[in-house]
Amino acid sequence: MQVESRKFKTNAREALQDENLKQALGKVKDGFIGKRAAAVQLVPEWQQIRSEARTIKNHVLENLDHYLLAYESAVQSHGGQVHWAATADDASQIIVDICRSCDATTVTKGKSMVGEEAGLNEALAEAGIEPIETDLGEYIIQLAKEAPSHIIAPAIHKTREQVSDLFYLHHAHYGLTERLTDRSALVNEARSVLREKFRAADVGITGANFLIAETGQHVLVTNEGNGDLTSNLPRVQIVIVGIEKVVPTLEDASCLLRLLARSATGQHFSNYTSLMCGPRREGEADGPDAFHVVLVDNHRTEMLAGELREMLRCFRCGACLNHCPVYGAIGGHAYGWVYPGPMGSVVTPAMVGNENAPDLPHACTLNGRCAEVCPMSIPLPELLREHRRRSFVQSLQTPGARYGLGIWAALAARPRLYRAVTGLGVALLWRLGRRRGAFRRLPLAGAWTRGRDLPAPQGRKTFMSLHRKSGNTRPDVNFRHTRGSDVDGAD
């Protein structure tokens, strides 16, 4: 997939003007948030499960080589093959070679974000092999020739009317010439088209939510059942997955599964949670003749060895996207690569380089909501600040931004000067804006005032001076609670 993260500012401005996108995001965002909150409230031990999950994944990351080798050995004992891909290009080439070795012409695919990392669809098409997405959202965006805009709901940015137009345009050659608008009817039409694709495919490719080192199984979680059909009907099955997805035992996977669906969609459990391993055995009614797993590194070991290590706990639930005010305003395509939202603003620079995604670490208000709802307790704001530090060291900001940060740092290091300057600024803004109550234009605040008014201070004193006057010289403001209580009611 082409990296367009350098265009973030332009993409974001265009997204804010897209009325269809506003309509689509407005309908779906509140549903994700509300359903998650309701599901979590029914689990009184939620925080205990989060703590256990964090411990499990931290242990895995400390011993990643051991568990990956154990998983490989277990897969081989079941008759499967494991392939190691150092880069995204290596992963796509390995899969193309497997498909060529069995003379495949068509491939059905389940939703896989690692497959998007590897540009798998493009690689297959270049090799003369037709990839067919079978997840409904992925199928829709494949027809639209677009990338996913959400890691669990790829077509979240599409309205029902847009989907209707796509089906009307692309399904006519199947004899489906009626323009449908009912949601159930659209789903049934897609199902009727994909049914024949499942039957005809030579190879099935899916991702995996977890890899079980103890048994050699992989866990596949879907709501549509397309992953099971993709895995069992073709004669060759391929699983493409990041190396961080391994866990020691089935019991460990069950702990993580208690968090996954509730965080992603607000379900207690997804409709289909399947455990698979190896090719079909003698006497079994279904399953592939050959089974392959492609383990993808693609900069993950670099993250493992550095300050971004905690990001490898992520199991791609999408909760941080759903609760992010920035993502909720501009959608996923503005981020310019596979992973959007807060987790994408950490992962993308790590995988494609800060120089190719300089604005993503700054596409955040640092309100901390993402960290509060993350089921794996990933400190996303801290990791974004680490990227900002690296960007400063690499001189990736504009000269004006670097100059401004230099001034801020000089003031912040001198408390008396800081209080004097901010006090003067607040008094001046109060005097200039007290009559109207807000500013429509203000130097150095053009990005804000282009779309909204900036409220004037309600008095001539700063918060710091008011606090000092009350006798407390060390203000202890709990910013966490100024954002409102956490939706799970326990943070």
Protein backbone atom coordinates (compact mmCIF):
# COMPACT_ATOMS: atom_id res chain seq x y z
CA MET A 1 0.00 0.00 0.00
CA GLN A 2 1.40 3.39 -0.99
CA VAL A 3 2.45 5.60 1.92
CA GLU A 4 0.80 9.02 1.74
CA SER A 5 1.24 10.05 5.37
CA ARG A 6 3.24 13.14 4.37
CA LYS A 7 -0.03 14.52 2.97
CA PHE A 8 -1.79 14.36 6.34
CA LYS A 9 -2.55 18.08 6.66
CA THR A 10 -3.95 18.28 3.12
CA ASN A 11 -5.91 15.05 3.60
CA ALA A 12 -7.35 16.28 6.89
CA ARG A 13 -8.50 19.58 5.40
CA GLU A 14 -10.25 17.74 2.57
CA ALA A 15 -11.85 15.27 4.98
CA LEU A 16 -13.33 18.07 7.06
CA GLN A 17 -15.17 19.30 3.96
CA ASP A 18 -16.56 15.86 3.02
CA GLU A 19 -20.24 15.85 3.96
CA ASN A 20 -20.69 12.13 3.20
CA LEU A 21 -17.80 11.34 5.54
CA LYS A 22 -19.31 13.47 8.29
CA GLN A 23 -22.61 11.65 7.89
CA ALA A 24 -21.01 8.20 7.95
CA LEU A 25 -18.75 8.88 10.95
CA GLY A 26 -21.52 10.59 12.87
CA LYS A 27 -23.78 7.55 12.71
CA VAL A 28 -21.20 4.95 13.65
CA LYS A 29 -18.88 6.57 16.20
CA ASP A 30 -21.43 6.90 18.99
CA GLY A 31 -22.52 3.30 18.47
CA PHE A 32 -19.03 1.94 19.07
CA ILE A 33 -18.53 4.07 22.18
CA GLY A 34 -21.91 3.35 23.73
CA LYS A 35 -21.79 -0.40 23.08
CA ARG A 36 -18.32 -0.69 24.53
CA ALA A 37 -19.34 1.18 27.66
CA ALA A 38 -22.40 -1.04 28.18
CA ALA A 39 -20.42 -4.25 27.65
CA VAL A 40 -17.59 -3.24 29.99
CA GLN A 41 -19.94 -2.21 32.79
CA LEU A 42 -21.21 -5.80 32.95
CA VAL A 43 -17.72 -7.08 33.79
CA PRO A 44 -16.83 -6.01 37.35
CA GLU A 45 -13.38 -7.60 37.06
CA TRP A 46 -12.53 -5.59 33.93
CA GLN A 47 -9.50 -3.88 35.43
CA GLN A 48 -8.16 -7.17 36.75
CA ILE A 49 -8.44 -8.73 33.28
CA ARG A 50 -6.61 -5.72 31.76
CA SER A 51 -3.84 -6.13 34.30
CA GLU A 52 -3.52 -9.87 33.59
CA ALA A 53 -3.50 -9.24 29.82
CA ARG A 54 -0.74 -6.66 30.17
CA THR A 55 1.33 -9.11 32.23
CA ILE A 56 0.84 -11.87 29.65
CA LYS A 57 1.93 -9.72 26.74
CA ASN A 58 4.87 -8.19 28.58
CA HIS A 59 6.07 -11.70 29.39
CA VAL A 60 5.72 -12.69 25.73
CA LEU A 61 7.69 -9.65 24.57
CA GLU A 62 10.46 -10.51 27.02
CA ASN A 63 10.61 -14.04 25.56
CA LEU A 64 9.37 -13.49 22.02
CA ASP A 65 12.01 -15.62 20.33
CA HIS A 66 11.24 -18.59 22.57
CA TYR A 67 7.49 -18.53 21.94
CA LEU A 68 7.83 -17.98 18.19
CA LEU A 69 10.11 -21.01 17.88
CA ALA A 70 7.73 -23.04 20.04
CA TYR A 71 4.84 -22.03 17.79
CA GLU A 72 6.81 -22.95 14.66
CA SER A 73 7.62 -26.37 16.08
CA ALA A 74 3.99 -27.01 16.99
CA VAL A 75 2.76 -25.99 13.51
CA GLN A 76 5.27 -28.30 11.88
CA SER A 77 4.13 -31.16 14.10
CA HIS A 78 0.65 -30.72 12.61
CA GLY A 79 1.98 -30.83 9.05
CA GLY A 80 2.07 -27.09 8.42
CA GLN A 81 4.90 -24.87 7.21
CA VAL A 82 6.13 -21.61 8.76
CA HIS A 83 7.80 -18.88 6.69
CA TRP A 84 9.71 -15.94 8.17
CA ALA A 85 9.37 -12.55 6.47
CA ALA A 86 11.78 -9.83 7.56
CA THR A 87 10.02 -7.13 5.53
CA ALA A 88 6.60 -6.43 4.07
CA ASP A 89 7.94 -7.09 0.57
CA ASP A 90 9.31 -10.44 1.72
CA ALA A 91 5.88 -11.40 3.05
CA SER A 92 4.06 -10.62 -0.19
CA GLN A 93 6.72 -12.41 -2.26
CA ILE A 94 6.50 -15.54 -0.10
CA ILE A 95 2.73 -15.65 -0.56
CA VAL A 96 2.95 -15.04 -4.31
CA ASP A 97 5.46 -17.91 -4.58
CA ILE A 98 3.14 -20.25 -2.64
CA CYS A 99 0.23 -19.34 -4.90
CA ARG A 100 2.32 -19.90 -8.03
CA SER A 101 3.53 -23.26 -6.75
CA CYS A 102 -0.05 -24.54 -6.70
CA ASP A 103 -1.05 -22.83 -9.99
CA ALA A 104 -3.56 -20.60 -8.22
CA THR A 105 -5.58 -18.13 -10.29
CA THR A 106 -7.99 -16.84 -7.64
CA VAL A 107 -7.51 -16.18 -3.94
CA THR A 108 -10.15 -15.44 -1.31
CA LYS A 109 -9.01 -13.24 1.55
CA GLY A 110 -10.20 -12.52 5.05
CA LYS A 111 -9.54 -9.11 6.54
CA SER A 112 -5.86 -8.73 7.43
CA MET A 113 -4.17 -5.47 8.36
CA VAL A 114 -0.77 -7.16 8.01
CA GLY A 115 -1.81 -8.05 4.48
CA GLU A 116 -2.42 -4.35 3.90
CA GLU A 117 1.06 -3.62 5.31
CA ALA A 118 2.51 -6.03 2.76
CA GLY A 119 0.54 -4.60 -0.18
CA LEU A 120 -0.63 -8.16 -0.74
CA ASN A 121 -3.51 -7.45 -3.11
CA GLU A 122 -1.29 -5.43 -5.41
CA ALA A 123 1.42 -8.13 -5.38
CA LEU A 124 -1.08 -10.87 -6.22
CA ALA A 125 -2.64 -8.85 -9.02
CA GLU A 126 0.79 -8.12 -10.53
CA ALA A 127 1.43 -11.88 -10.52
CA GLY A 128 -1.79 -12.53 -12.45
CA ILE A 129 -3.66 -13.88 -9.42
CA GLU A 130 -7.06 -12.38 -8.58
CA PRO A 131 -7.51 -11.47 -4.89
CA ILE A 132 -11.12 -11.38 -3.65
CA GLU A 133 -11.89 -9.75 -0.32
CA THR A 134 -14.63 -11.65 1.55
CA ASP A 135 -15.14 -9.47 4.62
CA LEU A 136 -18.11 -7.27 3.66
CA GLY A 137 -16.37 -4.01 4.52
CA GLU A 138 -13.19 -5.04 2.70
CA TYR A 139 -15.27 -6.19 -0.29
CA ILE A 140 -16.96 -2.79 -0.46
CA ILE A 141 -13.70 -0.84 -0.44
CA GLN A 142 -12.18 -3.25 -2.94
CA LEU A 143 -14.99 -2.38 -5.34
CA ALA A 144 -14.36 1.31 -4.60
CA LYS A 145 -10.58 0.82 -5.10
CA GLU A 146 -9.92 2.36 -1.71
CA ALA A 147 -7.91 1.42 1.38
CA PRO A 148 -9.51 0.58 4.74
CA SER A 149 -10.36 3.60 6.86
CA HIS A 150 -10.73 1.67 10.14
CA ILE A 151 -8.95 -1.44 11.38
CA ILE A 152 -12.14 -3.34 12.29
CA ALA A 153 -14.73 -1.56 10.12
CA PRO A 154 -12.92 -0.91 6.83
CA ALA A 155 -15.89 0.76 5.11
CA ILE A 156 -17.01 2.87 8.06
CA HIS A 157 -16.60 5.97 5.89
CA LYS A 158 -19.19 4.81 3.35
CA THR A 159 -22.87 5.71 3.55
CA ARG A 160 -25.55 3.19 2.61
CA GLU A 161 -26.29 5.20 -0.53
CA GLN A 162 -22.66 4.97 -1.62
CA VAL A 163 -22.65 1.20 -1.08
CA SER A 164 -25.85 0.92 -3.09
CA ASP A 165 -24.21 2.78 -5.96
CA LEU A 166 -21.15 0.51 -5.86
CA PHE A 167 -23.20 -2.69 -5.95
CA TYR A 168 -25.41 -1.37 -8.75
CA LEU A 169 -22.32 -0.55 -10.79
CA HIS A 170 -20.30 -3.72 -10.17
CA HIS A 171 -22.92 -6.45 -9.85
CA ALA A 172 -24.75 -5.95 -13.14
CA HIS A 173 -22.60 -8.54 -14.93
CA TYR A 174 -23.80 -11.12 -12.38
CA GLY A 175 -27.38 -10.42 -13.50
CA LEU A 176 -28.11 -8.30 -10.40
CA THR A 177 -29.47 -5.17 -12.02
CA GLU A 178 -31.86 -3.85 -9.37
CA ARG A 179 -30.65 -0.87 -7.32
CA LEU A 180 -31.09 -1.86 -3.68
CA THR A 181 -31.07 0.47 -0.68
CA ASP A 182 -32.24 -1.76 2.19
CA ARG A 183 -29.30 -2.79 4.36
CA SER A 184 -30.30 -6.46 4.62
CA ALA A 185 -30.90 -6.67 0.88
CA LEU A 186 -27.44 -5.24 0.18
CA VAL A 187 -25.85 -7.79 2.51
CA ASN A 188 -27.72 -10.64 0.83
CA GLU A 189 -26.64 -9.44 -2.60
CA ALA A 190 -22.99 -9.38 -1.54
CA ARG A 191 -23.39 -12.83 -0.01
CA SER A 192 -24.81 -14.26 -3.24
CA VAL A 193 -21.85 -12.90 -5.23
CA LEU A 194 -19.20 -14.03 -2.77
CA ARG A 195 -20.65 -17.55 -2.38
CA GLU A 196 -19.40 -18.54 -5.81
CA LYS A 197 -16.03 -16.92 -5.15
CA PHE A 198 -15.55 -19.10 -2.06
CA ARG A 199 -16.26 -22.23 -4.08
CA ALA A 200 -13.92 -21.36 -6.93
CA ALA A 201 -10.88 -20.10 -4.97
CA ASP A 202 -7.62 -22.04 -5.14
CA VAL A 203 -6.05 -20.41 -2.06
CA GLY A 204 -7.49 -18.82 1.06
CA ILE A 205 -5.59 -16.15 2.97
CA THR A 206 -6.49 -14.81 6.42
CA GLY A 207 -4.83 -13.01 9.26
CA ALA A 208 -4.90 -14.23 12.85
CA ASN A 209 -5.83 -12.58 16.11
CA PHE A 210 -3.58 -14.79 18.23
CA LEU A 211 -1.04 -17.59 17.74
CA ILE A 212 -0.88 -20.28 20.43
CA ALA A 213 2.70 -21.39 21.05
CA GLU A 214 1.58 -24.37 23.14
CA THR A 215 -0.61 -25.99 20.46
CA GLY A 216 0.35 -24.44 17.10
CA GLN A 217 -3.19 -23.18 16.65
CA HIS A 218 -4.22 -19.72 15.54
CA VAL A 219 -7.33 -17.89 16.72
CA LEU A 220 -9.47 -16.17 14.11
CA VAL A 221 -12.23 -13.80 15.24
CA THR A 222 -14.92 -12.60 12.82
CA ASN A 223 -18.57 -11.64 12.84
CA GLU A 224 -19.42 -12.87 9.34
CA GLY A 225 -17.95 -16.37 9.15
CA ASN A 226 -16.01 -15.46 6.03
CA GLY A 227 -12.75 -16.30 7.76
CA ASP A 228 -13.86 -19.89 8.32
CA LEU A 229 -14.96 -20.32 4.70
CA THR A 230 -11.72 -18.77 3.45
CA SER A 231 -9.73 -21.14 5.66
CA ASN A 232 -11.57 -24.39 4.95
CA LEU A 233 -12.83 -24.41 1.35
CA PRO A 234 -9.68 -23.74 -0.76
CA ARG A 235 -7.05 -26.47 -1.15
CA VAL A 236 -4.31 -24.22 0.28
CA GLN A 237 -4.56 -22.03 3.38
CA ILE A 238 -2.16 -19.19 4.19
CA VAL A 239 -2.11 -17.21 7.45
CA ILE A 240 -0.21 -13.90 7.41
CA VAL A 241 0.40 -12.44 10.86
CA GLY A 242 2.73 -10.17 12.80
CA ILE A 243 5.24 -11.84 15.10
CA GLU A 244 3.84 -10.04 18.16
CA LYS A 245 0.54 -11.98 18.02
CA VAL A 246 1.93 -15.10 19.71
CA VAL A 247 0.77 -16.02 23.23
CA PRO A 248 1.95 -18.94 25.37
CA THR A 249 -1.23 -20.96 26.01
CA LEU A 250 -4.91 -21.30 25.22
CA GLU A 251 -5.68 -19.98 28.70
CA ASP A 252 -3.71 -16.82 27.92
CA ALA A 253 -5.63 -16.39 24.68
CA SER A 254 -8.93 -16.75 26.54
CA CYS A 255 -7.95 -13.84 28.81
CA LEU A 256 -7.23 -11.61 25.81
CA LEU A 257 -10.45 -12.69 24.09
CA ARG A 258 -12.46 -11.40 27.05
CA LEU A 259 -11.10 -7.94 26.22
CA LEU A 260 -11.08 -8.04 22.43
CA ALA A 261 -14.73 -8.10 21.33
CA ARG A 262 -15.94 -5.85 24.14
CA SER A 263 -13.34 -3.23 23.23
CA ALA A 264 -13.83 -3.51 19.49
CA THR A 265 -17.59 -3.75 18.94
CA GLY A 266 -19.17 -3.90 22.38
CA GLN A 267 -19.98 -7.60 22.01
CA HIS A 268 -19.35 -10.06 24.80
CA PHE A 269 -17.93 -12.41 22.19
CA SER A 270 -17.72 -12.23 18.42
CA ASN A 271 -20.05 -14.40 16.35
CA TYR A 272 -17.22 -16.64 15.19
CA THR A 273 -14.13 -17.43 17.25
CA SER A 274 -12.31 -20.30 15.56
CA LEU A 275 -9.15 -22.22 16.45
CA MET A 276 -7.35 -23.87 13.54
CA CYS A 277 -4.06 -25.60 12.89
CA GLY A 278 -2.46 -27.49 10.06
CA PRO A 279 -3.87 -29.10 6.92
CA ARG A 280 -6.80 -31.50 6.78
CA ARG A 281 -6.13 -34.80 8.50
CA GLU A 282 -7.24 -38.22 7.40
CA GLY A 283 -10.93 -38.69 8.06
CA GLU A 284 -11.73 -34.96 8.37
CA ALA A 285 -14.54 -33.64 6.18
CA ASP A 286 -13.05 -30.26 5.36
CA GLY A 287 -9.90 -28.20 5.52
CA PRO A 288 -7.00 -27.42 3.20
CA ASP A 289 -4.53 -29.88 1.71
CA ALA A 290 -1.63 -27.55 2.57
CA PHE A 291 -1.22 -25.04 5.40
CA HIS A 292 1.26 -22.14 5.57
CA VAL A 293 1.94 -19.41 8.15
CA VAL A 294 3.88 -16.28 7.18
CA LEU A 295 5.33 -14.56 10.26
CA VAL A 296 6.01 -10.90 9.50
CA ASP A 297 8.57 -8.73 11.27
CA ASN A 298 8.48 -5.45 9.29
CA HIS A 299 10.21 -3.29 11.93
CA ARG A 300 8.58 -5.02 14.88
CA THR A 301 11.90 -6.18 16.31
CA GLU A 302 13.12 -2.58 16.10
CA MET A 303 10.10 -1.52 18.15
CA LEU A 304 10.78 -4.39 20.57
CA ALA A 305 14.29 -3.07 21.24
CA GLY A 306 13.31 0.58 21.69
CA GLU A 307 11.05 3.03 23.49
CA LEU A 308 7.99 1.96 21.45
CA ARG A 309 8.05 -1.59 22.80
CA GLU A 310 4.69 -1.27 24.59
CA MET A 311 2.94 -0.70 21.25
CA LEU A 312 3.52 -4.39 20.50
CA ARG A 313 0.86 -5.26 23.08
CA CYS A 314 -1.76 -3.89 20.68
CA PHE A 315 -4.19 -6.51 19.34
CA ARG A 316 -5.91 -4.14 16.90
CA CYS A 317 -9.31 -3.72 18.60
CA GLY A 318 -9.82 -0.15 17.35
CA ALA A 319 -11.04 1.28 20.69
CA CYS A 320 -8.53 4.12 20.53
CA LEU A 321 -9.82 5.11 17.07
CA ASN A 322 -13.43 5.09 18.21
CA HIS A 323 -12.74 7.41 21.14
CA CYS A 324 -10.33 9.77 19.37
CA PRO A 325 -11.79 13.23 18.57
CA VAL A 326 -9.32 13.69 15.72
CA TYR A 327 -10.16 10.38 14.03
CA GLY A 328 -13.86 11.07 14.62
CA ALA A 329 -13.58 14.31 12.63
CA ILE A 330 -11.43 13.22 9.69
CA GLY A 331 -11.75 9.42 9.40
CA GLY A 332 -8.96 7.02 8.57
CA HIS A 333 -7.85 7.87 5.03
CA ALA A 334 -6.39 11.21 6.12
CA TYR A 335 -3.62 9.33 7.96
CA GLY A 336 -2.30 8.11 4.63
CA TRP A 337 -1.41 4.49 5.39
CA VAL A 338 -2.70 1.22 6.82
CA TYR A 339 -3.16 2.24 10.45
CA PRO A 340 -5.12 5.37 11.42
CA GLY A 341 -5.99 7.05 14.69
CA PRO A 342 -3.82 7.08 17.83
CA MET A 343 -2.37 3.60 17.35
CA GLY A 344 -1.63 4.41 13.72
CA SER A 345 0.11 7.64 14.69
CA VAL A 346 2.50 5.48 16.73
CA VAL A 347 2.83 2.48 14.41
CA THR A 348 3.08 4.24 11.05
CA PRO A 349 6.18 6.37 11.81
CA ALA A 350 7.80 3.30 13.37
CA MET A 351 7.25 1.26 10.20
CA VAL A 352 7.68 3.80 7.41
CA GLY A 353 10.00 6.27 9.17
CA ASN A 354 9.30 9.54 10.95
CA GLU A 355 10.44 11.44 7.89
CA ASN A 356 7.59 9.86 5.88
CA ALA A 357 4.94 10.59 8.50
CA PRO A 358 6.14 13.78 10.25
CA ASP A 359 2.70 15.12 11.12
CA LEU A 360 1.08 11.99 12.55
CA PRO A 361 2.59 12.24 16.07
CA HIS A 362 1.15 15.76 16.20
CA ALA A 363 -2.33 14.67 15.03
CA CYS A 364 -3.39 14.33 18.65
CA THR A 365 -4.68 16.59 21.40
CA LEU A 366 -2.98 14.41 24.05
CA ASN A 367 -6.29 14.26 25.91
CA GLY A 368 -5.42 10.71 26.99
CA ARG A 369 -8.75 9.13 26.16
CA CYS A 370 -7.07 6.52 23.96
CA ALA A 371 -4.91 5.29 26.85
CA GLU A 372 -7.88 5.13 29.20
CA VAL A 373 -9.92 2.86 26.93
CA CYS A 374 -7.04 0.75 25.59
CA PRO A 375 -7.69 -2.78 26.90
CA MET A 376 -3.95 -3.54 26.76
CA SER A 377 -3.05 -0.44 28.82
CA ILE A 378 -0.78 1.00 26.14
CA PRO A 379 0.35 4.54 27.09
CA LEU A 380 -0.37 5.97 23.64
CA PRO A 381 0.14 9.66 24.56
CA GLU A 382 3.59 8.85 25.96
CA LEU A 383 4.55 6.99 22.79
CA LEU A 384 3.31 9.89 20.67
CA ARG A 385 5.45 12.24 22.72
CA GLU A 386 8.42 9.95 22.06
CA HIS A 387 7.80 10.31 18.32
CA ARG A 388 7.58 14.08 18.77
CA ARG A 389 10.94 14.03 20.53
CA ARG A 390 12.46 12.05 17.70
CA SER A 391 10.97 14.41 15.14
CA PHE A 392 12.57 17.35 16.94
CA VAL A 393 15.95 15.61 17.07
CA GLN A 394 15.68 14.83 13.35
CA SER A 395 14.69 18.46 12.61
CA LEU A 396 11.49 17.33 10.86
CA GLN A 397 9.41 20.31 12.05
CA THR A 398 9.28 23.57 10.16
CA PRO A 399 11.76 26.25 11.26
CA GLY A 400 8.89 28.26 12.73
CA ALA A 401 7.73 25.33 14.85
CA ARG A 402 11.25 24.65 16.10
CA TYR A 403 11.74 28.32 16.93
CA GLY A 404 8.46 28.39 18.82
CA LEU A 405 9.36 25.28 20.80
CA GLY A 406 12.71 26.86 21.64
CA ILE A 407 11.00 29.94 23.07
CA TRP A 408 8.57 27.77 25.02
CA ALA A 409 11.40 25.68 26.45
CA ALA A 410 13.30 28.80 27.52
CA LEU A 411 10.23 30.13 29.33
CA ALA A 412 9.29 26.79 30.90
CA ALA A 413 12.81 26.49 32.36
CA ARG A 414 12.43 29.89 34.10
CA PRO A 415 9.28 29.83 36.28
CA ARG A 416 9.33 33.52 37.25
CA LEU A 417 9.76 34.66 33.66
CA TYR A 418 7.08 32.18 32.55
CA ARG A 419 4.56 33.55 35.06
CA ALA A 420 5.36 37.12 34.12
CA VAL A 421 4.95 36.54 30.38
CA THR A 422 1.77 34.47 30.66
CA GLY A 423 0.31 36.96 33.13
CA LEU A 424 0.95 39.80 30.71
CA GLY A 425 -0.55 37.79 27.85
CA VAL A 426 -3.72 36.90 29.74
CA ALA A 427 -4.24 40.47 30.91
CA LEU A 428 -3.81 41.77 27.36
CA LEU A 429 -6.20 39.18 25.87
CA TRP A 430 -8.77 39.96 28.58
CA ARG A 431 -8.58 43.67 27.87
CA LEU A 432 -8.87 43.23 24.09
CA GLY A 433 -11.59 40.59 24.13
CA ARG A 434 -13.76 41.34 27.17
CA ARG A 435 -16.42 43.20 25.19
CA ARG A 436 -17.01 40.58 22.51
CA GLY A 437 -16.08 37.58 24.65
CA ALA A 438 -14.10 35.90 21.87
CA PHE A 439 -11.59 36.49 19.08
CA ARG A 440 -12.32 35.75 15.45
CA ARG A 441 -8.72 36.44 14.42
CA LEU A 442 -5.58 36.28 16.47
CA PRO A 443 -1.86 36.19 15.60
CA LEU A 444 -0.29 32.72 15.90
CA ALA A 445 -3.75 31.16 16.27
CA GLY A 446 -4.88 31.19 12.64
CA ALA A 447 -5.38 27.42 12.49
CA TRP A 448 -7.85 27.72 15.36
CA THR A 449 -9.69 30.88 14.37
CA ARG A 450 -10.21 29.79 10.75
CA GLY A 451 -12.89 27.39 11.95
CA ARG A 452 -14.00 28.71 15.32
CA ASP A 453 -13.83 31.64 17.71
CA LEU A 454 -11.22 31.69 20.48
CA PRO A 455 -12.87 32.55 23.84
CA ALA A 456 -11.37 35.52 25.64
CA PRO A 457 -10.09 35.06 29.22
CA GLN A 458 -12.80 35.64 31.83
CA GLY A 459 -10.43 37.67 33.98
CA ARG A 460 -7.01 39.30 33.95
CA LYS A 461 -5.39 36.68 36.20
CA THR A 462 -3.86 33.34 35.18
CA PHE A 463 -4.87 30.07 36.85
CA MET A 464 -1.41 29.90 38.37
CA SER A 465 -1.63 33.33 39.99
CA LEU A 466 -5.11 32.63 41.34
CA HIS A 467 -3.92 29.36 42.82
CA ARG A 468 -0.88 31.00 44.42
CA LYS A 469 -3.08 33.72 45.87
CA SER A 470 -5.21 31.08 47.57
CA GLY A 471 -2.11 29.90 49.43
CA ASN A 472 -1.37 26.68 47.52
CA THR A 473 2.02 27.14 45.89
CA ARG A 474 2.08 23.65 44.41
CA PRO A 475 -1.14 23.18 42.46
CA ASP A 476 -2.16 19.58 42.07
CA VAL A 477 -4.60 19.67 39.18
CA ASN A 478 -5.83 16.19 38.26
CA PHE A 479 -6.10 16.62 34.51
CA ARG A 480 -7.24 13.07 34.11
CA HIS A 481 -10.58 13.81 35.72
CA THR A 482 -11.08 17.06 33.85
CA ARG A 483 -11.78 14.91 30.82
CA GLY A 484 -14.71 13.20 32.45
CA SER A 485 -15.01 9.78 34.01
CA ASP A 486 -13.85 6.76 32.07
CA VAL A 487 -16.56 4.87 30.24
CA ASP A 488 -15.75 1.63 32.01
CA GLY A 489 -16.47 3.35 35.31
CA ALA A 490 -13.35 2.11 37.07
CA ASP A 491 -10.34 4.14 35.89
